[in-house]
PDB file of all heavy atoms in Angstrom:
ATOM      1  N   SER A   1     -64.017 122.215-106.835  1.00  0.00           N
ATOM      2  CA  SER A   1     -65.187 123.037-107.225  1.00  0.00           C
ATOM      3  C   SER A   1     -64.820 124.498-107.384  1.00  0.00           C
ATOM      4  O   SER A   1     -64.173 125.102-106.515  1.00  0.00           O
ATOM      5  CB  SER A   1     -66.283 122.905-106.133  1.00  0.00           C
ATOM      6  OG  SER A   1     -66.788 121.598-106.067  1.00  0.00           O
ATOM      7  N   LYS A   2     -65.239 125.072-108.480  1.00  0.00           N
ATOM      8  CA  LYS A   2     -64.971 126.468-108.775  1.00  0.00           C
ATOM      9  C   LYS A   2     -65.731 127.360-107.783  1.00  0.00           C
ATOM     10  O   LYS A   2     -66.874 127.037-107.423  1.00  0.00           O
ATOM     11  CB  LYS A   2     -65.353 126.805-110.209  1.00  0.00           C
ATOM     12  CG  LYS A   2     -64.600 126.026-111.271  1.00  0.00           C
ATOM     13  CD  LYS A   2     -63.099 126.378-111.258  1.00  0.00           C
ATOM     14  CE  LYS A   2     -62.362 125.653-112.374  1.00  0.00           C
ATOM     15  NZ  LYS A   2     -60.896 126.002-112.408  1.00  0.00           N
ATOM     16  N   GLY A   3     -65.139 128.453-107.436  1.00  0.00           N
ATOM     17  CA  GLY A   3     -65.770 129.391-106.506  1.00  0.00           C
ATOM     18  C   GLY A   3     -65.560 129.090-105.040  1.00  0.00           C
ATOM     19  O   GLY A   3     -65.981 129.859-104.178  1.00  0.00           O
ATOM     20  N   MET A   4     -64.893 127.963-104.728  1.00  0.00           N
ATOM     21  CA  MET A   4     -64.647 127.574-103.333  1.00  0.00           C
ATOM     22  C   MET A   4     -63.224 127.841-102.890  1.00  0.00           C
ATOM     23  O   MET A   4     -62.833 127.521-101.764  1.00  0.00           O
ATOM     24  CB  MET A   4     -64.994 126.079-103.147  1.00  0.00           C
ATOM     25  CG  MET A   4     -66.439 125.709-103.416  1.00  0.00           C
ATOM     26  SD  MET A   4     -67.577 126.613-102.383  1.00  0.00           S
ATOM     27  CE  MET A   4     -67.134 126.002-100.748  1.00  0.00           C
ATOM     28  N   GLY A   5     -62.426 128.440-103.753  1.00  0.00           N
ATOM     29  CA  GLY A   5     -61.005 128.599-103.492  1.00  0.00           C
ATOM     30  C   GLY A   5     -60.668 129.400-102.266  1.00  0.00           C
ATOM     31  O   GLY A   5     -59.827 128.993-101.441  1.00  0.00           O
ATOM     32  N   ILE A   6     -61.277 130.548-102.117  1.00  0.00           N
ATOM     33  CA  ILE A   6     -60.941 131.451-100.981  1.00  0.00           C
ATOM     34  C   ILE A   6     -61.386 130.787 -99.673  1.00  0.00           C
ATOM     35  O   ILE A   6     -60.671 130.793 -98.689  1.00  0.00           O
ATOM     36  CB  ILE A   6     -61.589 132.810-101.162  1.00  0.00           C
ATOM     37  CG1 ILE A   6     -60.973 133.517-102.376  1.00  0.00           C
ATOM     38  CG2 ILE A   6     -61.466 133.658 -99.909  1.00  0.00           C
ATOM     39  CD1 ILE A   6     -61.558 134.861-102.671  1.00  0.00           C
ATOM     40  N   VAL A   7     -62.582 130.206 -99.665  1.00  0.00           N
ATOM     41  CA  VAL A   7     -63.057 129.554 -98.438  1.00  0.00           C
ATOM     42  C   VAL A   7     -62.185 128.373 -98.065  1.00  0.00           C
ATOM     43  O   VAL A   7     -61.807 128.194 -96.928  1.00  0.00           O
ATOM     44  CB  VAL A   7     -64.534 129.088 -98.606  1.00  0.00           C
ATOM     45  CG1 VAL A   7     -64.982 128.291 -97.363  1.00  0.00           C
ATOM     46  CG2 VAL A   7     -65.449 130.282 -98.831  1.00  0.00           C
ATOM     47  N   GLY A   8     -61.821 127.556 -99.076  1.00  0.00           N
ATOM     48  CA  GLY A   8     -60.964 126.444 -98.816  1.00  0.00           C
ATOM     49  C   GLY A   8     -59.573 126.820 -98.323  1.00  0.00           C
ATOM     50  O   GLY A   8     -59.003 126.167 -97.470  1.00  0.00           O
ATOM     51  N   PHE A   9     -59.036 127.881 -98.928  1.00  0.00           N
ATOM     52  CA  PHE A   9     -57.709 128.341 -98.462  1.00  0.00           C
ATOM     53  C   PHE A   9     -57.829 128.881 -97.049  1.00  0.00           C
ATOM     54  O   PHE A   9     -56.913 128.654 -96.193  1.00  0.00           O
ATOM     55  CB  PHE A   9     -57.154 129.431 -99.404  1.00  0.00           C
ATOM     56  CG  PHE A   9     -55.820 129.960 -98.972  1.00  0.00           C
ATOM     57  CD1 PHE A   9     -54.679 129.235 -99.221  1.00  0.00           C
ATOM     58  CD2 PHE A   9     -55.705 131.123 -98.235  1.00  0.00           C
ATOM     59  CE1 PHE A   9     -53.404 129.676 -98.832  1.00  0.00           C
ATOM     60  CE2 PHE A   9     -54.469 131.609 -97.839  1.00  0.00           C
ATOM     61  CZ  PHE A   9     -53.330 130.883 -98.125  1.00  0.00           C
ATOM     62  N   ALA A  10     -58.920 129.582 -96.725  1.00  0.00           N
ATOM     63  CA  ALA A  10     -59.116 130.086 -95.408  1.00  0.00           C
ATOM     64  C   ALA A  10     -59.180 128.948 -94.374  1.00  0.00           C
ATOM     65  O   ALA A  10     -58.767 129.146 -93.198  1.00  0.00           O
ATOM     66  CB  ALA A  10     -60.382 130.922 -95.345  1.00  0.00           C
ATOM     67  N   GLU A  11     -59.715 127.815 -94.759  1.00  0.00           N
ATOM     68  CA  GLU A  11     -59.747 126.623 -93.842  1.00  0.00           C
ATOM     69  C   GLU A  11     -58.360 126.261 -93.415  1.00  0.00           C
ATOM     70  O   GLU A  11     -58.145 125.834 -92.277  1.00  0.00           O
ATOM     71  CB  GLU A  11     -60.431 125.441 -94.539  1.00  0.00           C
ATOM     72  CG  GLU A  11     -61.937 125.568 -94.725  1.00  0.00           C
ATOM     73  CD  GLU A  11     -62.692 125.326 -93.445  1.00  0.00           C
ATOM     74  OE1 GLU A  11     -62.067 125.071 -92.407  1.00  0.00           O
ATOM     75  OE2 GLU A  11     -63.932 125.405 -93.517  1.00  0.00           O
ATOM     76  N   ASN A  12     -57.388 126.382 -94.287  1.00  0.00           N
ATOM     77  CA  ASN A  12     -55.994 126.080 -93.946  1.00  0.00           C
ATOM     78  C   ASN A  12     -55.484 127.009 -92.880  1.00  0.00           C
ATOM     79  O   ASN A  12     -54.840 126.574 -91.923  1.00  0.00           O
ATOM     80  CB  ASN A  12     -55.120 126.138 -95.222  1.00  0.00           C
ATOM     81  CG  ASN A  12     -55.292 124.963 -96.112  1.00  0.00           C
ATOM     82  OD1 ASN A  12     -54.539 124.008 -96.050  1.00  0.00           O
ATOM     83  ND2 ASN A  12     -56.282 125.019 -96.972  1.00  0.00           N
ATOM     84  N   LEU A  13     -55.738 128.274 -93.007  1.00  0.00           N
ATOM     85  CA  LEU A  13     -55.350 129.226 -91.989  1.00  0.00           C
ATOM     86  C   LEU A  13     -56.123 128.991 -90.707  1.00  0.00           C
ATOM     87  O   LEU A  13     -55.576 129.171 -89.596  1.00  0.00           O
ATOM     88  CB  LEU A  13     -55.549 130.673 -92.479  1.00  0.00           C
ATOM     89  CG  LEU A  13     -54.655 131.158 -93.634  1.00  0.00           C
ATOM     90  CD1 LEU A  13     -55.031 132.587 -94.004  1.00  0.00           C
ATOM     91  CD2 LEU A  13     -53.190 131.067 -93.276  1.00  0.00           C
ATOM     92  N   LEU A  14     -57.387 128.610 -90.854  1.00  0.00           N
ATOM     93  CA  LEU A  14     -58.237 128.393 -89.676  1.00  0.00           C
ATOM     94  C   LEU A  14     -57.702 127.320 -88.767  1.00  0.00           C
ATOM     95  O   LEU A  14     -57.631 127.451 -87.530  1.00  0.00           O
ATOM     96  CB  LEU A  14     -59.670 128.070 -90.127  1.00  0.00           C
ATOM     97  CG  LEU A  14     -60.734 127.961 -89.057  1.00  0.00           C
ATOM     98  CD1 LEU A  14     -61.010 129.355 -88.466  1.00  0.00           C
ATOM     99  CD2 LEU A  14     -62.034 127.407 -89.638  1.00  0.00           C
ATOM    100  N   VAL A  15     -57.311 126.154 -89.327  1.00  0.00           N
ATOM    101  CA  VAL A  15     -56.839 125.029 -88.511  1.00  0.00           C
ATOM    102  C   VAL A  15     -55.498 125.342 -87.877  1.00  0.00           C
ATOM    103  O   VAL A  15     -55.147 124.809 -86.815  1.00  0.00           O
ATOM    104  CB  VAL A  15     -56.785 123.707 -89.321  1.00  0.00           C
ATOM    105  CG1 VAL A  15     -58.118 123.289 -89.813  1.00  0.00           C
ATOM    106  CG2 VAL A  15     -55.805 123.839 -90.484  1.00  0.00           C
ATOM    107  N   MET A  16     -54.716 126.204 -88.527  1.00  0.00           N
ATOM    108  CA  MET A  16     -53.426 126.534 -87.963  1.00  0.00           C
ATOM    109  C   MET A  16     -53.467 127.686 -86.998  1.00  0.00           C
ATOM    110  O   MET A  16     -52.578 127.866 -86.175  1.00  0.00           O
ATOM    111  CB  MET A  16     -52.401 126.860 -89.068  1.00  0.00           C
ATOM    112  CG  MET A  16     -51.930 125.644 -89.813  1.00  0.00           C
ATOM    113  SD  MET A  16     -50.508 126.017 -90.924  1.00  0.00           S
ATOM    114  CE  MET A  16     -51.357 126.886 -92.243  1.00  0.00           C
ATOM    115  N   TYR A  17     -54.563 128.484 -87.025  1.00  0.00           N
ATOM    116  CA  TYR A  17     -54.636 129.688 -86.193  1.00  0.00           C
ATOM    117  C   TYR A  17     -54.660 129.292 -84.693  1.00  0.00           C
ATOM    118  O   TYR A  17     -53.921 129.863 -83.908  1.00  0.00           O
ATOM    119  CB  TYR A  17     -55.895 130.490 -86.522  1.00  0.00           C
ATOM    120  CG  TYR A  17     -55.889 131.850 -85.884  1.00  0.00           C
ATOM    121  CD1 TYR A  17     -55.290 132.917 -86.496  1.00  0.00           C
ATOM    122  CD2 TYR A  17     -56.472 132.049 -84.636  1.00  0.00           C
ATOM    123  CE1 TYR A  17     -55.240 134.176 -85.906  1.00  0.00           C
ATOM    124  CE2 TYR A  17     -56.431 133.302 -84.015  1.00  0.00           C
ATOM    125  CZ  TYR A  17     -55.846 134.356 -84.652  1.00  0.00           C
ATOM    126  OH  TYR A  17     -55.799 135.591 -84.050  1.00  0.00           O
ATOM    127  N   ALA A  18     -55.483 128.353 -84.335  1.00  0.00           N
ATOM    128  CA  ALA A  18     -55.537 127.885 -82.954  1.00  0.00           C
ATOM    129  C   ALA A  18     -54.490 126.793 -82.723  1.00  0.00           C
ATOM    130  O   ALA A  18     -53.759 126.813 -81.718  1.00  0.00           O
ATOM    131  CB  ALA A  18     -56.905 127.361 -82.567  1.00  0.00           C
ATOM    132  N   CYS A  19     -54.426 125.833 -83.642  1.00  0.00           N
ATOM    133  CA  CYS A  19     -53.454 124.746 -83.647  1.00  0.00           C
ATOM    134  C   CYS A  19     -53.386 124.106 -82.253  1.00  0.00           C
ATOM    135  O   CYS A  19     -52.322 124.044 -81.595  1.00  0.00           O
ATOM    136  CB  CYS A  19     -52.039 125.277 -84.040  1.00  0.00           C
ATOM    137  SG  CYS A  19     -50.955 123.949 -84.561  1.00  0.00           S
ATOM    138  N   GLY A  20     -54.502 123.589 -81.779  1.00  0.00           N
ATOM    139  CA  GLY A  20     -54.533 122.926 -80.499  1.00  0.00           C
ATOM    140  C   GLY A  20     -55.880 122.367 -80.181  1.00  0.00           C
ATOM    141  O   GLY A  20     -56.825 122.468 -80.933  1.00  0.00           O
ATOM    142  N   GLY A  21     -55.980 121.782 -78.994  1.00  0.00           N
ATOM    143  CA  GLY A  21     -57.242 121.229 -78.498  1.00  0.00           C
ATOM    144  C   GLY A  21     -57.498 121.751 -77.086  1.00  0.00           C
ATOM    145  O   GLY A  21     -56.857 122.680 -76.602  1.00  0.00           O
ATOM    146  N   PHE A  22     -58.446 121.106 -76.408  1.00  0.00           N
ATOM    147  CA  PHE A  22     -58.828 121.505 -75.066  1.00  0.00           C
ATOM    148  C   PHE A  22     -58.310 120.552 -74.009  1.00  0.00           C
ATOM    149  O   PHE A  22     -58.390 119.324 -74.190  1.00  0.00           O
ATOM    150  CB  PHE A  22     -60.352 121.646 -74.953  1.00  0.00           C
ATOM    151  CG  PHE A  22     -60.949 122.601 -75.945  1.00  0.00           C
ATOM    152  CD1 PHE A  22     -61.764 122.150 -76.975  1.00  0.00           C
ATOM    153  CD2 PHE A  22     -60.667 123.932 -75.875  1.00  0.00           C
ATOM    154  CE1 PHE A  22     -62.322 123.004 -77.875  1.00  0.00           C
ATOM    155  CE2 PHE A  22     -61.193 124.826 -76.803  1.00  0.00           C
ATOM    156  CZ  PHE A  22     -62.031 124.376 -77.819  1.00  0.00           C
ATOM    157  N   LEU A  23     -57.780 121.102 -72.933  1.00  0.00           N
ATOM    158  CA  LEU A  23     -57.323 120.226 -71.824  1.00  0.00           C
ATOM    159  C   LEU A  23     -58.548 119.523 -71.247  1.00  0.00           C
ATOM    160  O   LEU A  23     -59.509 120.168 -70.809  1.00  0.00           O
ATOM    161  CB  LEU A  23     -56.672 121.109 -70.780  1.00  0.00           C
ATOM    162  CG  LEU A  23     -56.071 120.386 -69.555  1.00  0.00           C
ATOM    163  CD1 LEU A  23     -54.916 119.480 -70.021  1.00  0.00           C
ATOM    164  CD2 LEU A  23     -55.584 121.386 -68.529  1.00  0.00           C
ATOM    165  N   GLY A  24     -58.505 118.196 -71.288  1.00  0.00           N
ATOM    166  CA  GLY A  24     -59.678 117.440 -70.852  1.00  0.00           C
ATOM    167  C   GLY A  24     -60.602 117.043 -71.998  1.00  0.00           C
ATOM    168  O   GLY A  24     -61.632 116.409 -71.759  1.00  0.00           O
ATOM    169  N   GLY A  25     -60.254 117.450 -73.226  1.00  0.00           N
ATOM    170  CA  GLY A  25     -61.067 117.081 -74.375  1.00  0.00           C
ATOM    171  C   GLY A  25     -62.205 118.030 -74.604  1.00  0.00           C
ATOM    172  O   GLY A  25     -62.448 119.005 -73.899  1.00  0.00           O
ATOM    173  N   MET A  26     -62.989 117.693 -75.676  1.00  0.00           N
ATOM    174  CA  MET A  26     -64.123 118.552 -76.048  1.00  0.00           C
ATOM    175  C   MET A  26     -65.185 118.666 -74.969  1.00  0.00           C
ATOM    176  O   MET A  26     -65.916 119.628 -74.889  1.00  0.00           O
ATOM    177  CB  MET A  26     -64.738 118.016 -77.333  1.00  0.00           C
ATOM    178  CG  MET A  26     -63.917 118.301 -78.580  1.00  0.00           C
ATOM    179  SD  MET A  26     -63.852 120.002 -79.048  1.00  0.00           S
ATOM    180  CE  MET A  26     -65.498 120.252 -79.694  1.00  0.00           C
ATOM    181  N   HIS A  27     -65.263 117.624 -74.115  1.00  0.00           N
ATOM    182  CA  HIS A  27     -66.289 117.681 -73.083  1.00  0.00           C
ATOM    183  C   HIS A  27     -65.999 118.812 -72.100  1.00  0.00           C
ATOM    184  O   HIS A  27     -66.932 119.397 -71.546  1.00  0.00           O
ATOM    185  CB  HIS A  27     -66.401 116.346 -72.333  1.00  0.00           C
ATOM    186  CG  HIS A  27     -67.728 116.118 -71.716  1.00  0.00           C
ATOM    187  ND1 HIS A  27     -68.845 115.821 -72.472  1.00  0.00           N
ATOM    188  CD2 HIS A  27     -68.147 116.162 -70.424  1.00  0.00           C
ATOM    189  CE1 HIS A  27     -69.865 115.685 -71.670  1.00  0.00           C
ATOM    190  NE2 HIS A  27     -69.496 115.875 -70.436  1.00  0.00           N
ATOM    191  N   SER A  28     -64.727 119.151 -71.874  1.00  0.00           N
ATOM    192  CA  SER A  28     -64.415 120.282 -70.993  1.00  0.00           C
ATOM    193  C   SER A  28     -64.906 121.578 -71.610  1.00  0.00           C
ATOM    194  O   SER A  28     -65.266 122.513 -70.892  1.00  0.00           O
ATOM    195  CB  SER A  28     -62.917 120.324 -70.735  1.00  0.00           C
ATOM    196  OG  SER A  28     -62.196 120.614 -71.900  1.00  0.00           O
ATOM    197  N   TYR A  29     -64.895 121.658 -72.931  1.00  0.00           N
ATOM    198  CA  TYR A  29     -65.421 122.834 -73.653  1.00  0.00           C
ATOM    199  C   TYR A  29     -66.933 122.929 -73.365  1.00  0.00           C
ATOM    200  O   TYR A  29     -67.472 124.028 -73.117  1.00  0.00           O
ATOM    201  CB  TYR A  29     -65.137 122.677 -75.112  1.00  0.00           C
ATOM    202  CG  TYR A  29     -65.871 123.671 -76.019  1.00  0.00           C
ATOM    203  CD1 TYR A  29     -65.644 125.019 -75.897  1.00  0.00           C
ATOM    204  CD2 TYR A  29     -66.741 123.212 -76.986  1.00  0.00           C
ATOM    205  CE1 TYR A  29     -66.295 125.941 -76.736  1.00  0.00           C
ATOM    206  CE2 TYR A  29     -67.389 124.114 -77.835  1.00  0.00           C
ATOM    207  CZ  TYR A  29     -67.180 125.472 -77.687  1.00  0.00           C
ATOM    208  OH  TYR A  29     -67.811 126.359 -78.505  1.00  0.00           O
ATOM    209  N   MET A  30     -67.641 121.783 -73.425  1.00  0.00           N
ATOM    210  CA  MET A  30     -69.091 121.816 -73.168  1.00  0.00           C
ATOM    211  C   MET A  30     -69.397 122.249 -71.707  1.00  0.00           C
ATOM    212  O   MET A  30     -70.311 122.993 -71.482  1.00  0.00           O
ATOM    213  CB  MET A  30     -69.685 120.425 -73.432  1.00  0.00           C
ATOM    214  CG  MET A  30     -69.512 119.976 -74.844  1.00  0.00           C
ATOM    215  SD  MET A  30     -70.225 121.108 -76.059  1.00  0.00           S
ATOM    216  CE  MET A  30     -69.824 120.276 -77.560  1.00  0.00           C
ATOM    217  N   HIS A  31     -68.582 121.757 -70.789  1.00  0.00           N
ATOM    218  CA  HIS A  31     -68.801 122.130 -69.403  1.00  0.00           C
ATOM    219  C   HIS A  31     -68.573 123.642 -69.223  1.00  0.00           C
ATOM    220  O   HIS A  31     -69.289 124.288 -68.465  1.00  0.00           O
ATOM    221  CB  HIS A  31     -67.887 121.339 -68.498  1.00  0.00           C
ATOM    222  CG  HIS A  31     -68.372 119.981 -68.142  1.00  0.00           C
ATOM    223  ND1 HIS A  31     -69.152 119.731 -67.017  1.00  0.00           N
ATOM    224  CD2 HIS A  31     -68.285 118.807 -68.776  1.00  0.00           C
ATOM    225  CE1 HIS A  31     -69.458 118.475 -67.001  1.00  0.00           C
ATOM    226  NE2 HIS A  31     -68.985 117.869 -68.045  1.00  0.00           N
ATOM    227  N   ALA A  32     -67.582 124.181 -69.899  1.00  0.00           N
ATOM    228  CA  ALA A  32     -67.330 125.629 -69.794  1.00  0.00           C
ATOM    229  C   ALA A  32     -68.499 126.426 -70.351  1.00  0.00           C
ATOM    230  O   ALA A  32     -68.900 127.443 -69.749  1.00  0.00           O
ATOM    231  CB  ALA A  32     -66.037 125.984 -70.493  1.00  0.00           C
ATOM    232  N   LEU A  33     -69.042 126.011 -71.491  1.00  0.00           N
ATOM    233  CA  LEU A  33     -70.208 126.654 -72.034  1.00  0.00           C
ATOM    234  C   LEU A  33     -71.408 126.564 -71.065  1.00  0.00           C
ATOM    235  O   LEU A  33     -72.124 127.562 -70.878  1.00  0.00           O
ATOM    236  CB  LEU A  33     -70.613 125.984 -73.351  1.00  0.00           C
ATOM    237  CG  LEU A  33     -69.850 126.424 -74.608  1.00  0.00           C
ATOM    238  CD1 LEU A  33     -70.331 125.574 -75.801  1.00  0.00           C
ATOM    239  CD2 LEU A  33     -70.059 127.888 -74.917  1.00  0.00           C
ATOM    240  N   ALA A  34     -71.611 125.399 -70.443  1.00  0.00           N
ATOM    241  CA  ALA A  34     -72.731 125.222 -69.524  1.00  0.00           C
ATOM    242  C   ALA A  34     -72.520 126.139 -68.316  1.00  0.00           C
ATOM    243  O   ALA A  34     -73.469 126.818 -67.832  1.00  0.00           O
ATOM    244  CB  ALA A  34     -72.830 123.788 -69.095  1.00  0.00           C
ATOM    245  N   ARG A  35     -71.299 126.194 -67.766  1.00  0.00           N
ATOM    246  CA  ARG A  35     -71.051 127.072 -66.601  1.00  0.00           C
ATOM    247  C   ARG A  35     -71.287 128.545 -66.978  1.00  0.00           C
ATOM    248  O   ARG A  35     -71.811 129.294 -66.182  1.00  0.00           O
ATOM    249  CB  ARG A  35     -69.623 126.867 -66.135  1.00  0.00           C
ATOM    250  CG  ARG A  35     -69.315 125.477 -65.528  1.00  0.00           C
ATOM    251  CD  ARG A  35     -67.945 125.467 -64.887  1.00  0.00           C
ATOM    252  NE  ARG A  35     -67.529 124.100 -64.588  1.00  0.00           N
ATOM    253  CZ  ARG A  35     -66.657 123.411 -65.308  1.00  0.00           C
ATOM    254  NH1 ARG A  35     -66.089 123.982 -66.364  1.00  0.00           N
ATOM    255  NH2 ARG A  35     -66.322 122.176 -64.981  1.00  0.00           N
ATOM    256  N   CYS A  36     -70.852 128.910 -68.166  1.00  0.00           N
ATOM    257  CA  CYS A  36     -71.054 130.294 -68.590  1.00  0.00           C
ATOM    258  C   CYS A  36     -72.517 130.618 -68.689  1.00  0.00           C
ATOM    259  O   CYS A  36     -72.967 131.691 -68.230  1.00  0.00           O
ATOM    260  CB  CYS A  36     -70.371 130.489 -69.969  1.00  0.00           C
ATOM    261  SG  CYS A  36     -70.550 132.128 -70.680  1.00  0.00           S
ATOM    262  N   ALA A  37     -73.299 129.712 -69.291  1.00  0.00           N
ATOM    263  CA  ALA A  37     -74.749 129.968 -69.416  1.00  0.00           C
ATOM    264  C   ALA A  37     -75.423 130.093 -68.037  1.00  0.00           C
ATOM    265  O   ALA A  37     -76.212 131.018 -67.805  1.00  0.00           O
ATOM    266  CB  ALA A  37     -75.386 128.826 -70.216  1.00  0.00           C
ATOM    267  N   VAL A  38     -75.087 129.182 -67.148  1.00  0.00           N
ATOM    268  CA  VAL A  38     -75.686 129.204 -65.800  1.00  0.00           C
ATOM    269  C   VAL A  38     -75.263 130.452 -65.059  1.00  0.00           C
ATOM    270  O   VAL A  38     -76.065 131.077 -64.329  1.00  0.00           O
ATOM    271  CB  VAL A  38     -75.340 127.947 -65.043  1.00  0.00           C
ATOM    272  CG1 VAL A  38     -75.747 128.027 -63.575  1.00  0.00           C
ATOM    273  CG2 VAL A  38     -75.976 126.708 -65.679  1.00  0.00           C
TER     274      VAL A  38
END
């Protein structure tokens, strides 16, 4: 699709910028958010 080039290229940098996951999986991310809110 025309006009999507910059966003699509940025997606490539985005996935490589962190290049990792969370210890304990995504649910540990949710628990951290919940603890932060509380």
